Amino acid sequence: MKDGSRYMGQEAGTESIPQPEARNSAKKYRIRLKIGNRDIYGLDFKWTNNDEILTTTYPPDALVIERTEWGNMYGFITAIKDGEKTLAG
């Protein structure tokens, strides 16, 4: 993002941005990104203007876990633990 922030999630829609004062200008668009992790961000979705996005990447080790509370979890597994014992990572 132009402001330095980064988001991981799934694209959940695209729409044109209403611009009533600029009827003859080029249309601008925004995407609805399902970011999940409601326990961290406090929301499931974030609208982002396309012109604010610098790059889009698809990390091969990224994952999504469907949870029963707090929305999907998007992230990376760095370790698997059982209590204090590290099983992997």
PDB file of N, CA and C in Angstrom:
ATOM      1  N   MET A   1       0.847  -1.170   0.000  1.00  0.00           N
ATOM      2  CA  MET A   1       0.000   0.000   0.000  1.00  0.00           C
ATOM      3  C   MET A   1       0.901   1.245   0.000  1.00  0.00           C
ATOM      4  N   LYS A   2       0.389   2.313  -0.543  1.00  0.00           N
ATOM      5  CA  LYS A   2       1.160   3.551  -0.601  1.00  0.00           C
ATOM      6  C   LYS A   2       1.536   4.064   0.788  1.00  0.00           C
ATOM      7  N   ASP A   3       0.701   3.774   1.798  1.00  0.00           N
ATOM      8  CA  ASP A   3       0.990   4.244   3.154  1.00  0.00           C
ATOM      9  C   ASP A   3       1.903   3.296   3.930  1.00  0.00           C
ATOM     10  N   GLY A   4       2.375   2.222   3.285  1.00  0.00           N
ATOM     11  CA  GLY A   4       3.279   1.276   3.927  1.00  0.00           C
ATOM     12  C   GLY A   4       2.586   0.101   4.592  1.00  0.00           C
ATOM     13  N   SER A   5       1.266   0.128   4.702  1.00  0.00           N
ATOM     14  CA  SER A   5       0.560  -0.986   5.334  1.00  0.00           C
ATOM     15  C   SER A   5       0.483  -2.177   4.386  1.00  0.00           C
ATOM     16  N   ARG A   6       0.271  -3.347   4.975  1.00  0.00           N
ATOM     17  CA  ARG A   6       0.172  -4.590   4.208  1.00  0.00           C
ATOM     18  C   ARG A   6      -1.017  -5.379   4.732  1.00  0.00           C
ATOM     19  N   TYR A   7      -1.738  -6.024   3.818  1.00  0.00           N
ATOM     20  CA  TYR A   7      -2.892  -6.829   4.194  1.00  0.00           C
ATOM     21  C   TYR A   7      -2.829  -8.167   3.487  1.00  0.00           C
ATOM     22  N   MET A   8      -3.325  -9.187   4.169  1.00  0.00           N
ATOM     23  CA  MET A   8      -3.441 -10.512   3.573  1.00  0.00           C
ATOM     24  C   MET A   8      -4.910 -10.889   3.637  1.00  0.00           C
ATOM     25  N   GLY A   9      -5.404 -11.464   2.564  1.00  0.00           N
ATOM     26  CA  GLY A   9      -6.795 -11.878   2.556  1.00  0.00           C
ATOM     27  C   GLY A   9      -7.225 -12.326   1.178  1.00  0.00           C
ATOM     28  N   GLN A  10      -8.523 -12.349   0.981  1.00  0.00           N
ATOM     29  CA  GLN A  10      -9.103 -12.792  -0.282  1.00  0.00           C
ATOM     30  C   GLN A  10      -9.941 -11.664  -0.867  1.00  0.00           C
ATOM     31  N   GLU A  11      -9.800 -11.433  -2.180  1.00  0.00           N
ATOM     32  CA  GLU A  11     -10.630 -10.429  -2.832  1.00  0.00           C
ATOM     33  C   GLU A  11     -12.076 -10.900  -2.799  1.00  0.00           C
ATOM     34  N   ALA A  12     -12.957 -10.034  -2.312  1.00  0.00           N
ATOM     35  CA  ALA A  12     -14.360 -10.406  -2.144  1.00  0.00           C
ATOM     36  C   ALA A  12     -15.287  -9.485  -2.925  1.00  0.00           C
ATOM     37  N   GLY A  13     -14.746  -8.768  -3.891  1.00  0.00           N
ATOM     38  CA  GLY A  13     -15.588  -7.909  -4.717  1.00  0.00           C
ATOM     39  C   GLY A  13     -14.837  -6.689  -5.199  1.00  0.00           C
ATOM     40  N   THR A  14     -15.355  -6.086  -6.260  1.00  0.00           N
ATOM     41  CA  THR A  14     -14.803  -4.865  -6.837  1.00  0.00           C
ATOM     42  C   THR A  14     -15.966  -3.970  -7.216  1.00  0.00           C
ATOM     43  N   GLU A  15     -15.795  -2.659  -7.043  1.00  0.00           N
ATOM     44  CA  GLU A  15     -16.832  -1.730  -7.472  1.00  0.00           C
ATOM     45  C   GLU A  15     -16.204  -0.419  -7.903  1.00  0.00           C
ATOM     46  N   SER A  16     -16.923   0.308  -8.738  1.00  0.00           N
ATOM     47  CA  SER A  16     -16.445   1.632  -9.130  1.00  0.00           C
ATOM     48  C   SER A  16     -16.736   2.597  -7.986  1.00  0.00           C
ATOM     49  N   ILE A  17     -15.876   3.597  -7.850  1.00  0.00           N
ATOM     50  CA  ILE A  17     -16.039   4.594  -6.798  1.00  0.00           C
ATOM     51  C   ILE A  17     -16.912   5.720  -7.348  1.00  0.00           C
ATOM     52  N   PRO A  18     -18.031   6.019  -6.701  1.00  0.00           N
ATOM     53  CA  PRO A  18     -18.896   7.100  -7.186  1.00  0.00           C
ATOM     54  C   PRO A  18     -18.145   8.436  -7.196  1.00  0.00           C
ATOM     55  N   GLN A  19     -18.222   9.142  -8.327  1.00  0.00           N
ATOM     56  CA  GLN A  19     -17.559  10.440  -8.464  1.00  0.00           C
ATOM     57  C   GLN A  19     -18.521  11.416  -9.138  1.00  0.00           C
ATOM     58  N   PRO A  20     -19.560  11.852  -8.434  1.00  0.00           N
ATOM     59  CA  PRO A  20     -20.572  12.708  -9.067  1.00  0.00           C
ATOM     60  C   PRO A  20     -20.023  14.039  -9.568  1.00  0.00           C
ATOM     61  N   GLU A  21     -18.971  14.560  -8.937  1.00  0.00           N
ATOM     62  CA  GLU A  21     -18.424  15.854  -9.343  1.00  0.00           C
ATOM     63  C   GLU A  21     -17.519  15.753 -10.566  1.00  0.00           C
ATOM     64  N   ALA A  22     -17.137  14.539 -10.955  1.00  0.00           N
ATOM     65  CA  ALA A  22     -16.207  14.344 -12.075  1.00  0.00           C
ATOM     66  C   ALA A  22     -16.806  13.363 -13.073  1.00  0.00           C
ATOM     67  N   ARG A  23     -17.911  13.712 -13.660  1.00  0.00           N
ATOM     68  CA  ARG A  23     -18.644  12.802 -14.543  1.00  0.00           C
ATOM     69  C   ARG A  23     -17.839  12.351 -15.760  1.00  0.00           C
ATOM     70  N   ASN A  24     -16.977  13.186 -16.284  1.00  0.00           N
ATOM     71  CA  ASN A  24     -16.239  12.854 -17.506  1.00  0.00           C
ATOM     72  C   ASN A  24     -14.846  12.291 -17.245  1.00  0.00           C
ATOM     73  N   SER A  25     -14.463  12.148 -15.988  1.00  0.00           N
ATOM     74  CA  SER A  25     -13.127  11.626 -15.689  1.00  0.00           C
ATOM     75  C   SER A  25     -13.129  10.094 -15.721  1.00  0.00           C
ATOM     76  N   ALA A  26     -11.933   9.531 -15.763  1.00  0.00           N
ATOM     77  CA  ALA A  26     -11.797   8.068 -15.790  1.00  0.00           C
ATOM     78  C   ALA A  26     -12.351   7.474 -14.498  1.00  0.00           C
ATOM     79  N   LYS A  27     -13.012   6.343 -14.628  1.00  0.00           N
ATOM     80  CA  LYS A  27     -13.560   5.674 -13.446  1.00  0.00           C
ATOM     81  C   LYS A  27     -12.429   5.150 -12.575  1.00  0.00           C
ATOM     82  N   LYS A  28     -12.656   5.212 -11.275  1.00  0.00           N
ATOM     83  CA  LYS A  28     -11.733   4.632 -10.310  1.00  0.00           C
ATOM     84  C   LYS A  28     -12.451   3.470  -9.640  1.00  0.00           C
ATOM     85  N   TYR A  29     -11.660   2.501  -9.189  1.00  0.00           N
ATOM     86  CA  TYR A  29     -12.232   1.295  -8.601  1.00  0.00           C
ATOM     87  C   TYR A  29     -11.621   1.011  -7.238  1.00  0.00           C
ATOM     88  N   ARG A  30     -12.348   0.239  -6.455  1.00  0.00           N
ATOM     89  CA  ARG A  30     -11.850  -0.232  -5.162  1.00  0.00           C
ATOM     90  C   ARG A  30     -12.206  -1.699  -5.027  1.00  0.00           C
ATOM     91  N   ILE A  31     -11.409  -2.401  -4.215  1.00  0.00           N
ATOM     92  CA  ILE A  31     -11.680  -3.813  -3.972  1.00  0.00           C
ATOM     93  C   ILE A  31     -12.114  -3.998  -2.521  1.00  0.00           C
ATOM     94  N   ARG A  32     -12.922  -5.005  -2.332  1.00  0.00           N
ATOM     95  CA  ARG A  32     -13.330  -5.408  -0.983  1.00  0.00           C
ATOM     96  C   ARG A  32     -12.468  -6.606  -0.632  1.00  0.00           C
ATOM     97  N   LEU A  33     -11.621  -6.434   0.349  1.00  0.00           N
ATOM     98  CA  LEU A  33     -10.683  -7.471   0.757  1.00  0.00           C
ATOM     99  C   LEU A  33     -11.160  -8.112   2.051  1.00  0.00           C
ATOM    100  N   LYS A  34     -11.347  -9.429   2.019  1.00  0.00           N
ATOM    101  CA  LYS A  34     -11.712 -10.162   3.234  1.00  0.00           C
ATOM    102  C   LYS A  34     -10.422 -10.423   3.993  1.00  0.00           C
ATOM    103  N   ILE A  35     -10.211  -9.657   5.070  1.00  0.00           N
ATOM    104  CA  ILE A  35      -8.965  -9.776   5.827  1.00  0.00           C
ATOM    105  C   ILE A  35      -9.113 -10.662   7.057  1.00  0.00           C
ATOM    106  N   GLY A  36     -10.358 -10.982   7.445  1.00  0.00           N
ATOM    107  CA  GLY A  36     -10.566 -11.862   8.598  1.00  0.00           C
ATOM    108  C   GLY A  36      -9.855 -11.333   9.833  1.00  0.00           C
ATOM    109  N   ASN A  37      -9.373 -12.248  10.668  1.00  0.00           N
ATOM    110  CA  ASN A  37      -8.625 -11.873  11.873  1.00  0.00           C
ATOM    111  C   ASN A  37      -9.339 -10.769  12.661  1.00  0.00           C
ATOM    112  N   ARG A  38     -10.657 -10.915  12.828  1.00  0.00           N
ATOM    113  CA  ARG A  38     -11.462  -9.905  13.520  1.00  0.00           C
ATOM    114  C   ARG A  38     -10.948  -9.634  14.928  1.00  0.00           C
ATOM    115  N   ASP A  39     -10.326 -10.625  15.552  1.00  0.00           N
ATOM    116  CA  ASP A  39      -9.774 -10.441  16.887  1.00  0.00           C
ATOM    117  C   ASP A  39      -8.603  -9.465  16.883  1.00  0.00           C
ATOM    118  N   ILE A  40      -7.969  -9.266  15.741  1.00  0.00           N
ATOM    119  CA  ILE A  40      -6.842  -8.335  15.632  1.00  0.00           C
ATOM    120  C   ILE A  40      -7.293  -6.988  15.068  1.00  0.00           C
ATOM    121  N   TYR A  41      -8.029  -7.002  13.945  1.00  0.00           N
ATOM    122  CA  TYR A  41      -8.392  -5.770  13.237  1.00  0.00           C
ATOM    123  C   TYR A  41      -9.746  -5.194  13.633  1.00  0.00           C
ATOM    124  N   GLY A  42     -10.618  -6.011  14.223  1.00  0.00           N
ATOM    125  CA  GLY A  42     -11.939  -5.534  14.592  1.00  0.00           C
ATOM    126  C   GLY A  42     -12.930  -5.503  13.442  1.00  0.00           C
ATOM    127  N   LEU A  43     -12.546  -6.017  12.266  1.00  0.00           N
ATOM    128  CA  LEU A  43     -13.441  -6.078  11.121  1.00  0.00           C
ATOM    129  C   LEU A  43     -13.046  -7.247  10.238  1.00  0.00           C
ATOM    130  N   ASP A  44     -13.987  -7.716   9.420  1.00  0.00           N
ATOM    131  CA  ASP A  44     -13.729  -8.840   8.521  1.00  0.00           C
ATOM    132  C   ASP A  44     -13.298  -8.389   7.133  1.00  0.00           C
ATOM    133  N   PHE A  45     -13.784  -7.209   6.707  1.00  0.00           N
ATOM    134  CA  PHE A  45     -13.538  -6.730   5.350  1.00  0.00           C
ATOM    135  C   PHE A  45     -12.947  -5.330   5.384  1.00  0.00           C
ATOM    136  N   LYS A  46     -12.171  -5.008   4.348  1.00  0.00           N
ATOM    137  CA  LYS A  46     -11.600  -3.668   4.207  1.00  0.00           C
ATOM    138  C   LYS A  46     -11.713  -3.246   2.752  1.00  0.00           C
ATOM    139  N   TRP A  47     -12.296  -2.067   2.509  1.00  0.00           N
ATOM    140  CA  TRP A  47     -12.338  -1.506   1.158  1.00  0.00           C
ATOM    141  C   TRP A  47     -11.029  -0.779   0.903  1.00  0.00           C
ATOM    142  N   THR A  48     -10.434  -1.011  -0.255  1.00  0.00           N
ATOM    143  CA  THR A  48      -9.161  -0.393  -0.614  1.00  0.00           C
ATOM    144  C   THR A  48      -9.236   0.116  -2.044  1.00  0.00           C
ATOM    145  N   ASN A  49      -8.908   1.388  -2.237  1.00  0.00           N
ATOM    146  CA  ASN A  49      -8.875   1.945  -3.589  1.00  0.00           C
ATOM    147  C   ASN A  49      -7.741   1.300  -4.377  1.00  0.00           C
ATOM    148  N   ASN A  50      -8.031   0.892  -5.600  1.00  0.00           N
ATOM    149  CA  ASN A  50      -7.017   0.222  -6.431  1.00  0.00           C
ATOM    150  C   ASN A  50      -5.762   1.062  -6.610  1.00  0.00           C
ATOM    151  N   ASP A  51      -5.909   2.384  -6.705  1.00  0.00           N
ATOM    152  CA  ASP A  51      -4.728   3.219  -6.928  1.00  0.00           C
ATOM    153  C   ASP A  51      -3.852   3.350  -5.684  1.00  0.00           C
ATOM    154  N   GLU A  52      -4.279   2.814  -4.549  1.00  0.00           N
ATOM    155  CA  GLU A  52      -3.462   2.800  -3.332  1.00  0.00           C
ATOM    156  C   GLU A  52      -2.602   1.543  -3.234  1.00  0.00           C
ATOM    157  N   ILE A  53      -2.887   0.542  -4.065  1.00  0.00           N
ATOM    158  CA  ILE A  53      -2.169  -0.734  -4.015  1.00  0.00           C
ATOM    159  C   ILE A  53      -0.917  -0.645  -4.876  1.00  0.00           C
ATOM    160  N   LEU A  54       0.244  -0.874  -4.266  1.00  0.00           N
ATOM    161  CA  LEU A  54       1.504  -0.837  -5.011  1.00  0.00           C
ATOM    162  C   LEU A  54       1.811  -2.172  -5.667  1.00  0.00           C
ATOM    163  N   THR A  55       1.667  -3.266  -4.922  1.00  0.00           N
ATOM    164  CA  THR A  55       1.941  -4.599  -5.461  1.00  0.00           C
ATOM    165  C   THR A  55       0.968  -5.606  -4.856  1.00  0.00           C
ATOM    166  N   THR A  56       0.772  -6.685  -5.578  1.00  0.00           N
ATOM    167  CA  THR A  56      -0.011  -7.815  -5.089  1.00  0.00           C
ATOM    168  C   THR A  56       0.861  -9.050  -5.223  1.00  0.00           C
ATOM    169  N   THR A  57       1.016  -9.788  -4.136  1.00  0.00           N
ATOM    170  CA  THR A  57       1.821 -11.010  -4.164  1.00  0.00           C
ATOM    171  C   THR A  57       0.983 -12.175  -3.660  1.00  0.00           C
ATOM    172  N   TYR A  58       1.427 -13.366  -3.990  1.00  0.00           N
ATOM    173  CA  TYR A  58       0.752 -14.600  -3.577  1.00  0.00           C
ATOM    174  C   TYR A  58       1.789 -15.525  -2.944  1.00  0.00           C
ATOM    175  N   PRO A  59       2.137 -15.288  -1.660  1.00  0.00           N
ATOM    176  CA  PRO A  59       3.149 -16.119  -1.007  1.00  0.00           C
ATOM    177  C   PRO A  59       2.736 -17.589  -0.986  1.00  0.00           C
ATOM    178  N   PRO A  60       3.618 -18.491  -1.410  1.00  0.00           N
ATOM    179  CA  PRO A  60       3.260 -19.913  -1.472  1.00  0.00           C
ATOM    180  C   PRO A  60       2.999 -20.535  -0.101  1.00  0.00           C
ATOM    181  N   ASP A  61       3.525 -19.948   0.970  1.00  0.00           N
ATOM    182  CA  ASP A  61       3.339 -20.517   2.305  1.00  0.00           C
ATOM    183  C   ASP A  61       2.232 -19.820   3.105  1.00  0.00           C
ATOM    184  N   ALA A  62       1.493 -18.903   2.477  1.00  0.00           N
ATOM    185  CA  ALA A  62       0.361 -18.252   3.149  1.00  0.00           C
ATOM    186  C   ALA A  62      -0.784 -19.248   3.281  1.00  0.00           C
ATOM    187  N   LEU A  63      -1.597 -19.075   4.328  1.00  0.00           N
ATOM    188  CA  LEU A  63      -2.716 -19.993   4.513  1.00  0.00           C
ATOM    189  C   LEU A  63      -3.906 -19.279   5.117  1.00  0.00           C
ATOM    190  N   VAL A  64      -5.046 -19.920   4.991  1.00  0.00           N
ATOM    191  CA  VAL A  64      -6.270 -19.446   5.620  1.00  0.00           C
ATOM    192  C   VAL A  64      -6.838 -20.596   6.443  1.00  0.00           C
ATOM    193  N   ILE A  65      -7.244 -20.276   7.662  1.00  0.00           N
ATOM    194  CA  ILE A  65      -7.868 -21.258   8.546  1.00  0.00           C
ATOM    195  C   ILE A  65      -9.261 -20.737   8.876  1.00  0.00           C
ATOM    196  N   GLU A  66     -10.282 -21.545   8.578  1.00  0.00           N
ATOM    197  CA  GLU A  66     -11.654 -21.158   8.886  1.00  0.00           C
ATOM    198  C   GLU A  66     -11.918 -21.444  10.354  1.00  0.00           C
ATOM    199  N   ARG A  67     -12.312 -20.406  11.088  1.00  0.00           N
ATOM    200  CA  ARG A  67     -12.573 -20.539  12.520  1.00  0.00           C
ATOM    201  C   ARG A  67     -14.060 -20.353  12.795  1.00  0.00           C
ATOM    202  N   THR A  68     -14.518 -20.845  13.932  1.00  0.00           N
ATOM    203  CA  THR A  68     -15.921 -20.682  14.296  1.00  0.00           C
ATOM    204  C   THR A  68     -16.172 -19.323  14.944  1.00  0.00           C
ATOM    205  N   GLU A  69     -15.123 -18.657  15.411  1.00  0.00           N
ATOM    206  CA  GLU A  69     -15.244 -17.322  16.001  1.00  0.00           C
ATOM    207  C   GLU A  69     -14.144 -16.428  15.457  1.00  0.00           C
ATOM    208  N   TRP A  70     -14.398 -15.131  15.394  1.00  0.00           N
ATOM    209  CA  TRP A  70     -13.425 -14.104  15.011  1.00  0.00           C
ATOM    210  C   TRP A  70     -13.052 -14.105  13.533  1.00  0.00           C
ATOM    211  N   GLY A  71     -13.808 -14.780  12.691  1.00  0.00           N
ATOM    212  CA  GLY A  71     -13.541 -14.765  11.251  1.00  0.00           C
ATOM    213  C   GLY A  71     -12.368 -15.639  10.877  1.00  0.00           C
ATOM    214  N   ASN A  72     -12.152 -15.766   9.582  1.00  0.00           N
ATOM    215  CA  ASN A  72     -11.022 -16.567   9.101  1.00  0.00           C
ATOM    216  C   ASN A  72      -9.714 -16.013   9.641  1.00  0.00           C
ATOM    217  N   MET A  73      -8.723 -16.878   9.750  1.00  0.00           N
ATOM    218  CA  MET A  73      -7.383 -16.465  10.147  1.00  0.00           C
ATOM    219  C   MET A  73      -6.511 -16.558   8.903  1.00  0.00           C
ATOM    220  N   TYR A  74      -5.892 -15.443   8.541  1.00  0.00           N
ATOM    221  CA  TYR A  74      -4.954 -15.411   7.419  1.00  0.00           C
ATOM    222  C   TYR A  74      -3.565 -15.192   7.990  1.00  0.00           C
ATOM    223  N   GLY A  75      -2.599 -15.967   7.531  1.00  0.00           N
ATOM    224  CA  GLY A  75      -1.247 -15.796   8.041  1.00  0.00           C
ATOM    225  C   GLY A  75      -0.317 -16.885   7.574  1.00  0.00           C
ATOM    226  N   PHE A  76       0.711 -17.112   8.375  1.00  0.00           N
ATOM    227  CA  PHE A  76       1.754 -18.095   8.099  1.00  0.00           C
ATOM    228  C   PHE A  76       1.970 -18.932   9.354  1.00  0.00           C
ATOM    229  N   ILE A  77       2.245 -20.209   9.189  1.00  0.00           N
ATOM    230  CA  ILE A  77       2.595 -21.049  10.334  1.00  0.00           C
ATOM    231  C   ILE A  77       4.106 -20.966  10.520  1.00  0.00           C
ATOM    232  N   THR A  78       4.520 -20.541  11.703  1.00  0.00           N
ATOM    233  CA  THR A  78       5.952 -20.480  12.004  1.00  0.00           C
ATOM    234  C   THR A  78       6.381 -21.620  12.917  1.00  0.00           C
ATOM    235  N   ALA A  79       5.424 -22.185  13.670  1.00  0.00           N
ATOM    236  CA  ALA A  79       5.738 -23.309  14.550  1.00  0.00           C
ATOM    237  C   ALA A  79       4.435 -23.984  14.972  1.00  0.00           C
ATOM    238  N   ILE A  80       4.542 -25.252  15.332  1.00  0.00           N
ATOM    239  CA  ILE A  80       3.419 -25.990  15.900  1.00  0.00           C
ATOM    240  C   ILE A  80       3.853 -26.433  17.285  1.00  0.00           C
ATOM    241  N   LYS A  81       3.050 -26.060  18.294  1.00  0.00           N
ATOM    242  CA  LYS A  81       3.414 -26.347  19.675  1.00  0.00           C
ATOM    243  C   LYS A  81       2.307 -27.096  20.384  1.00  0.00           C
ATOM    244  N   ASP A  82       2.696 -27.890  21.361  1.00  0.00           N
ATOM    245  CA  ASP A  82       1.786 -28.531  22.296  1.00  0.00           C
ATOM    246  C   ASP A  82       2.210 -28.024  23.662  1.00  0.00           C
ATOM    247  N   GLY A  83       1.507 -26.998  24.146  1.00  0.00           N
ATOM    248  CA  GLY A  83       1.955 -26.339  25.367  1.00  0.00           C
ATOM    249  C   GLY A  83       3.260 -25.614  25.083  1.00  0.00           C
ATOM    250  N   GLU A  84       4.281 -25.918  25.850  1.00  0.00           N
ATOM    251  CA  GLU A  84       5.597 -25.308  25.651  1.00  0.00           C
ATOM    252  C   GLU A  84       6.485 -26.125  24.718  1.00  0.00           C
ATOM    253  N   LYS A  85       6.048 -27.325  24.376  1.00  0.00           N
ATOM    254  CA  LYS A  85       6.855 -28.210  23.535  1.00  0.00           C
ATOM    255  C   LYS A  85       6.634 -27.890  22.055  1.00  0.00           C
ATOM    256  N   THR A  86       7.710 -27.598  21.336  1.00  0.00           N
ATOM    257  CA  THR A  86       7.634 -27.328  19.903  1.00  0.00           C
ATOM    258  C   THR A  86       7.649 -28.647  19.148  1.00  0.00           C
ATOM    259  N   LEU A  87       6.590 -28.887  18.362  1.00  0.00           N
ATOM    260  CA  LEU A  87       6.487 -30.114  17.580  1.00  0.00           C
ATOM    261  C   LEU A  87       7.076 -29.946  16.185  1.00  0.00           C
ATOM    262  N   ALA A  88       6.998 -28.743  15.647  1.00  0.00           N
ATOM    263  CA  ALA A  88       7.556 -28.445  14.322  1.00  0.00           C
ATOM    264  C   ALA A  88       7.837 -26.955  14.248  1.00  0.00           C
ATOM    265  N   GLY A  89       8.842 -26.603  13.448  1.00  0.00           N
ATOM    266  CA  GLY A  89       9.149 -25.184  13.241  1.00  0.00           C
ATOM    267  C   GLY A  89      10.315 -24.745  13.924  1.00  0.00           C
TER     268      GLY A  89
END
